[in-house]
Amino acid sequence: MKPHSGSRKTAELSEPVHQWLNLYALSASAAGVGMLALTQCAEAKIVYTPAHQIIGKNISFNLDLNHDGITDFIIRENAHRTTSGEFQVLFIKGSSINKIEGVPGSHSFHAADLAPGDLIPNGEFSPAAVMANQCSGFGGTSCTTHSRKGSWFNVTNHYLGLKFTIDGGTHYGWARMTVNFVNNNLTATLTGYAYETVPNEGIIAGRIKNSDGDAAPDASLSMPTPEGASLGMLALGSPGVSIWRREELISATQ
């Protein structure tokens, strides 16, 4: 067989072919962006734990947000009597460098009582914070002039903003609590808690999953399939284009 001596001609593609090839490139790029978005969404995760833990007089609860066996926060209600009156204080303190969101007071840092939908973080943090502090004086004592401090009196399902560390990374979470003040007695109930697994990523108070209430963008970027030529055929490269061009010619003659 004689070798072919003629020069190889470059195939000229029609304008429609160029358009579909450009469309295919855009579609492949969009698919890559979609996969990246799906990967990023998969990485973000809220871990929620339901609870029903009652914290009464002189009772403390060790809160382990991420269930690694290490106490992250201690919630305690202290009660004691003096010659001036009976005192009760409900407070939370962080272990190690963990902190609670709130506002500074004249004598102590007060834990913020967050509502559902509030963003965490959105304020100052402290290693310890008072939730509620009350005293009942014994007849004409100065205790009655400062009988209540803090904003956690008779609240239902309010939220603590929490900041803690996992393997050196900063994470945010919340603890949902109901506090009753009846007959001069404080009783707190922990009803659930959650944290965000992504370091430095904020969390919404009350949110138990990343898609809960989110207006998340649709990660599946779709493009219309062109009539006549499918993206799968274009993915075949030159053979696919040749097949498509033959189909075009056949259609044109019909």
Protein backbone atom coordinates (compact mmCIF):
# COMPACT_ATOMS: atom_id res chain seq x y z
CA MET A 1 0.00 0.00 0.00
CA LYS A 2 1.43 3.33 -1.00
CA PRO A 3 1.79 5.89 1.68
CA HIS A 4 -0.50 8.80 1.37
CA SER A 5 1.60 11.63 -0.05
CA GLY A 6 -0.94 14.40 0.01
CA SER A 7 -1.01 16.96 2.77
CA ARG A 8 -3.58 16.41 5.50
CA LYS A 9 -6.37 18.92 5.34
CA THR A 10 -7.72 20.61 8.44
CA ALA A 11 -11.41 19.95 8.91
CA GLU A 12 -13.37 23.15 9.09
CA LEU A 13 -16.17 22.97 11.65
CA SER A 14 -19.36 24.85 10.97
CA GLU A 15 -20.52 27.65 13.23
CA PRO A 16 -23.23 25.47 14.88
CA VAL A 17 -20.55 22.92 15.81
CA HIS A 18 -18.46 25.63 17.46
CA GLN A 19 -21.51 26.78 19.38
CA TRP A 20 -22.29 23.30 20.68
CA LEU A 21 -18.65 22.69 21.61
CA ASN A 22 -18.65 25.94 23.58
CA LEU A 23 -21.88 24.86 25.24
CA TYR A 24 -20.35 21.53 26.17
CA ALA A 25 -17.32 23.26 27.72
CA LEU A 26 -19.59 25.51 29.76
CA SER A 27 -21.65 22.54 30.89
CA ALA A 28 -18.58 20.59 31.97
CA SER A 29 -17.35 23.62 33.88
CA ALA A 30 -20.73 24.08 35.54
CA ALA A 31 -20.76 20.43 36.56
CA GLY A 32 -17.39 20.91 38.21
CA VAL A 33 -18.67 23.94 40.13
CA GLY A 34 -21.72 21.95 41.19
CA MET A 35 -19.61 19.11 42.53
CA LEU A 36 -17.46 21.61 44.45
CA ALA A 37 -20.55 23.19 45.97
CA LEU A 38 -21.87 19.78 46.99
CA THR A 39 -18.53 18.94 48.61
CA GLN A 40 -18.49 22.19 50.58
CA CYS A 41 -22.08 21.69 51.76
CA ALA A 42 -21.26 18.14 52.83
CA GLU A 43 -18.43 19.41 55.00
CA ALA A 44 -20.66 21.76 56.99
CA LYS A 45 -22.71 19.89 59.57
CA ILE A 46 -24.62 20.75 62.70
CA VAL A 47 -24.61 18.07 65.38
CA TYR A 48 -27.73 18.30 67.55
CA THR A 49 -28.44 16.47 70.81
CA PRO A 50 -31.88 16.53 72.46
CA ALA A 51 -31.89 16.59 76.24
CA HIS A 52 -34.04 16.89 79.33
CA GLN A 53 -31.68 17.67 82.19
CA ILE A 54 -33.11 19.40 85.26
CA ILE A 55 -30.70 21.58 87.24
CA GLY A 56 -32.01 22.48 90.68
CA LYS A 57 -30.48 23.68 93.92
CA ASN A 58 -26.78 22.90 94.22
CA ILE A 59 -26.87 20.69 91.14
CA SER A 60 -24.41 20.97 88.27
CA PHE A 61 -24.37 19.46 84.80
CA ASN A 62 -21.26 18.80 82.73
CA LEU A 63 -22.04 19.70 79.13
CA ASP A 64 -20.05 17.80 76.50
CA LEU A 65 -21.11 19.44 73.23
CA ASN A 66 -19.30 17.13 70.82
CA HIS A 67 -19.47 13.90 72.86
CA ASP A 68 -15.72 13.36 73.04
CA GLY A 69 -15.79 12.58 76.76
CA ILE A 70 -14.41 16.01 77.72
CA THR A 71 -16.54 18.54 79.60
CA ASP A 72 -16.87 21.75 77.60
CA PHE A 73 -19.11 23.73 79.98
CA ILE A 74 -20.49 23.39 83.49
CA ILE A 75 -24.00 24.65 84.25
CA ARG A 76 -24.68 24.98 87.96
CA GLU A 77 -27.23 26.40 90.37
CA ASN A 78 -25.76 27.38 93.73
CA ALA A 79 -27.95 28.08 96.76
CA HIS A 80 -26.87 29.15 100.22
CA ARG A 81 -28.22 30.97 103.28
CA THR A 82 -26.59 33.69 105.31
CA THR A 83 -27.75 35.99 108.10
CA SER A 84 -28.86 38.41 105.40
CA GLY A 85 -30.97 36.06 103.37
CA GLU A 86 -31.10 33.15 100.95
CA PHE A 87 -29.10 33.45 97.75
CA GLN A 88 -29.40 31.54 94.50
CA VAL A 89 -27.32 31.91 91.38
CA LEU A 90 -27.58 30.04 88.10
CA PHE A 91 -24.39 30.30 86.08
CA ILE A 92 -22.35 28.65 83.36
CA LYS A 93 -18.59 28.45 83.02
CA GLY A 94 -16.36 27.11 80.32
CA SER A 95 -13.68 24.49 80.72
CA SER A 96 -10.18 25.41 79.56
CA ILE A 97 -10.52 28.33 77.11
CA ASN A 98 -14.21 27.81 76.26
CA LYS A 99 -16.46 30.87 76.60
CA ILE A 100 -20.07 32.06 76.79
CA GLU A 101 -21.65 34.92 74.84
CA GLY A 102 -23.12 37.79 76.84
CA VAL A 103 -22.72 41.32 78.14
CA PRO A 104 -20.58 42.73 80.96
CA GLY A 105 -22.45 43.82 84.10
CA SER A 106 -21.48 46.01 87.02
CA HIS A 107 -20.27 43.07 89.10
CA SER A 108 -20.34 40.08 86.75
CA PHE A 109 -20.68 38.99 83.14
CA HIS A 110 -24.25 38.12 82.18
CA ALA A 111 -25.08 35.32 79.73
CA ALA A 112 -27.15 36.46 76.76
CA ASP A 113 -30.61 34.89 76.51
CA LEU A 114 -30.78 34.43 72.76
CA ALA A 115 -33.98 33.95 70.79
CA PRO A 116 -34.44 31.40 68.00
CA GLY A 117 -32.81 32.68 64.85
CA ASP A 118 -30.14 34.80 66.57
CA LEU A 119 -26.67 34.50 65.10
CA ILE A 120 -23.78 33.10 67.13
CA PRO A 121 -21.28 34.76 67.46
CA ASN A 122 -22.71 38.25 67.76
CA GLY A 123 -21.23 39.75 70.91
CA GLU A 124 -18.64 39.45 73.64
CA PHE A 125 -17.55 36.20 75.25
CA SER A 126 -16.40 35.37 78.76
CA PRO A 127 -15.09 32.21 80.50
CA ALA A 128 -17.99 32.44 82.99
CA ALA A 129 -21.41 34.07 82.94
CA VAL A 130 -24.33 34.53 85.33
CA MET A 131 -27.73 33.55 83.94
CA ALA A 132 -29.89 34.46 86.95
CA ASN A 133 -29.07 35.67 90.45
CA GLN A 134 -31.64 36.26 93.19
CA CYS A 135 -31.78 36.71 96.93
CA SER A 136 -34.58 36.71 99.45
CA GLY A 137 -33.78 38.96 102.41
CA PHE A 138 -34.66 38.26 106.01
CA GLY A 139 -36.50 41.40 107.05
CA GLY A 140 -35.09 44.78 106.12
CA THR A 141 -31.75 43.58 104.77
CA SER A 142 -29.99 45.11 101.78
CA CYS A 143 -30.55 41.84 99.89
CA THR A 144 -34.06 42.90 98.90
CA THR A 145 -32.77 45.95 96.99
CA HIS A 146 -30.90 43.65 94.57
CA SER A 147 -33.31 40.74 94.54
CA ARG A 148 -32.89 39.76 90.86
CA LYS A 149 -30.12 40.06 88.31
CA GLY A 150 -29.81 38.52 84.91
CA SER A 151 -32.31 37.96 82.12
CA TRP A 152 -32.98 34.24 82.54
CA PHE A 153 -35.95 34.48 84.89
CA ASN A 154 -39.04 32.60 83.69
CA VAL A 155 -37.92 32.04 80.11
CA THR A 156 -38.90 29.12 77.90
CA ASN A 157 -36.49 27.65 75.35
CA HIS A 158 -33.99 30.49 75.19
CA TYR A 159 -30.45 29.90 73.97
CA LEU A 160 -26.92 30.23 75.30
CA GLY A 161 -24.26 31.16 72.76
CA LEU A 162 -21.20 28.96 73.20
CA LYS A 163 -17.64 29.08 71.90
CA PHE A 164 -15.35 26.09 72.38
CA THR A 165 -12.40 24.27 70.85
CA ILE A 166 -12.01 20.94 69.06
CA ASP A 167 -8.43 19.89 68.30
CA GLY A 168 -7.30 23.51 68.56
CA GLY A 169 -10.02 24.85 66.25
CA THR A 170 -12.71 27.31 67.36
CA HIS A 171 -16.30 26.10 67.06
CA TYR A 172 -19.65 27.65 67.93
CA GLY A 173 -22.73 26.09 69.42
CA TRP A 174 -25.82 26.70 71.49
CA ALA A 175 -27.61 25.25 74.51
CA ARG A 176 -31.40 25.58 74.83
CA MET A 177 -32.74 26.13 78.33
CA THR A 178 -35.94 26.84 80.19
CA VAL A 179 -35.66 28.58 83.58
CA ASN A 180 -38.50 28.84 86.11
CA PHE A 181 -38.54 31.08 89.16
CA VAL A 182 -41.32 29.92 91.47
CA ASN A 183 -41.67 30.58 95.23
CA ASN A 184 -38.22 32.18 95.26
CA ASN A 185 -36.67 29.03 93.79
CA LEU A 186 -34.77 28.76 90.53
CA THR A 187 -35.04 25.62 88.43
CA ALA A 188 -33.35 25.24 85.06
CA THR A 189 -33.94 22.59 82.41
CA LEU A 190 -31.55 21.90 79.56
CA THR A 191 -33.67 20.79 76.57
CA GLY A 192 -31.05 20.40 73.84
CA TYR A 193 -27.73 21.57 72.44
CA ALA A 194 -25.87 21.70 69.14
CA TYR A 195 -22.61 22.78 67.52
CA GLU A 196 -21.18 23.47 64.08
CA THR A 197 -18.49 21.03 62.93
CA VAL A 198 -16.73 23.56 60.67
CA PRO A 199 -14.16 25.69 62.57
CA ASN A 200 -14.93 29.42 62.79
CA GLU A 201 -18.33 28.89 61.16
CA GLY A 202 -21.21 30.65 62.91
CA ILE A 203 -24.42 28.92 63.93
CA ILE A 204 -28.04 30.05 64.25
CA ALA A 205 -29.64 29.63 67.67
CA GLY A 206 -32.15 26.80 67.47
CA ARG A 207 -30.96 25.41 64.16
CA ILE A 208 -30.54 21.64 64.27
CA LYS A 209 -29.39 21.03 60.69
CA ASN A 210 -27.68 23.12 58.06
CA SER A 211 -30.65 23.13 55.68
CA ASP A 212 -33.20 23.98 58.38
CA GLY A 213 -34.69 27.28 57.29
CA ASP A 214 -31.84 27.99 54.89
CA ALA A 215 -32.35 29.61 51.53
CA ALA A 216 -29.46 27.50 50.27
CA PRO A 217 -28.51 27.86 46.60
CA ASP A 218 -29.26 24.92 44.38
CA ALA A 219 -25.96 23.11 43.92
CA SER A 220 -27.12 21.30 40.79
CA LEU A 221 -26.33 23.64 37.95
CA SER A 222 -28.27 22.43 34.92
CA MET A 223 -28.12 23.49 31.31
CA PRO A 224 -30.61 22.68 28.53
CA THR A 225 -29.70 19.75 26.33
CA PRO A 226 -29.40 20.93 22.72
CA GLU A 227 -31.70 19.31 20.19
CA GLY A 228 -30.03 17.12 17.58
CA ALA A 229 -26.70 16.80 19.42
CA SER A 230 -26.45 15.48 22.96
CA LEU A 231 -23.69 16.48 25.38
CA GLY A 232 -22.76 12.82 25.61
CA MET A 233 -22.13 12.73 21.88
CA LEU A 234 -20.04 15.89 22.05
CA ALA A 235 -18.06 14.34 24.89
CA LEU A 236 -16.83 11.74 22.39
CA GLY A 237 -14.74 14.44 20.73
CA SER A 238 -14.14 14.33 16.95
CA PRO A 239 -15.95 10.98 16.40
CA GLY A 240 -18.99 12.34 18.15
CA VAL A 241 -18.91 15.52 16.09
CA SER A 242 -18.64 13.46 12.90
CA ILE A 243 -21.66 11.36 13.88
CA TRP A 244 -23.62 14.50 14.68
CA ARG A 245 -22.66 16.13 11.36
CA ARG A 246 -23.84 13.03 9.46
CA GLU A 247 -27.13 13.18 11.39
CA GLU A 248 -27.41 16.86 10.41
CA LEU A 249 -26.89 16.01 6.75
CA ILE A 250 -29.46 13.22 6.89
CA SER A 251 -31.98 15.52 8.55
CA ALA A 252 -31.32 18.22 5.96
CA THR A 253 -32.10 15.86 3.07
CA GLN A 254 -35.35 14.63 4.56
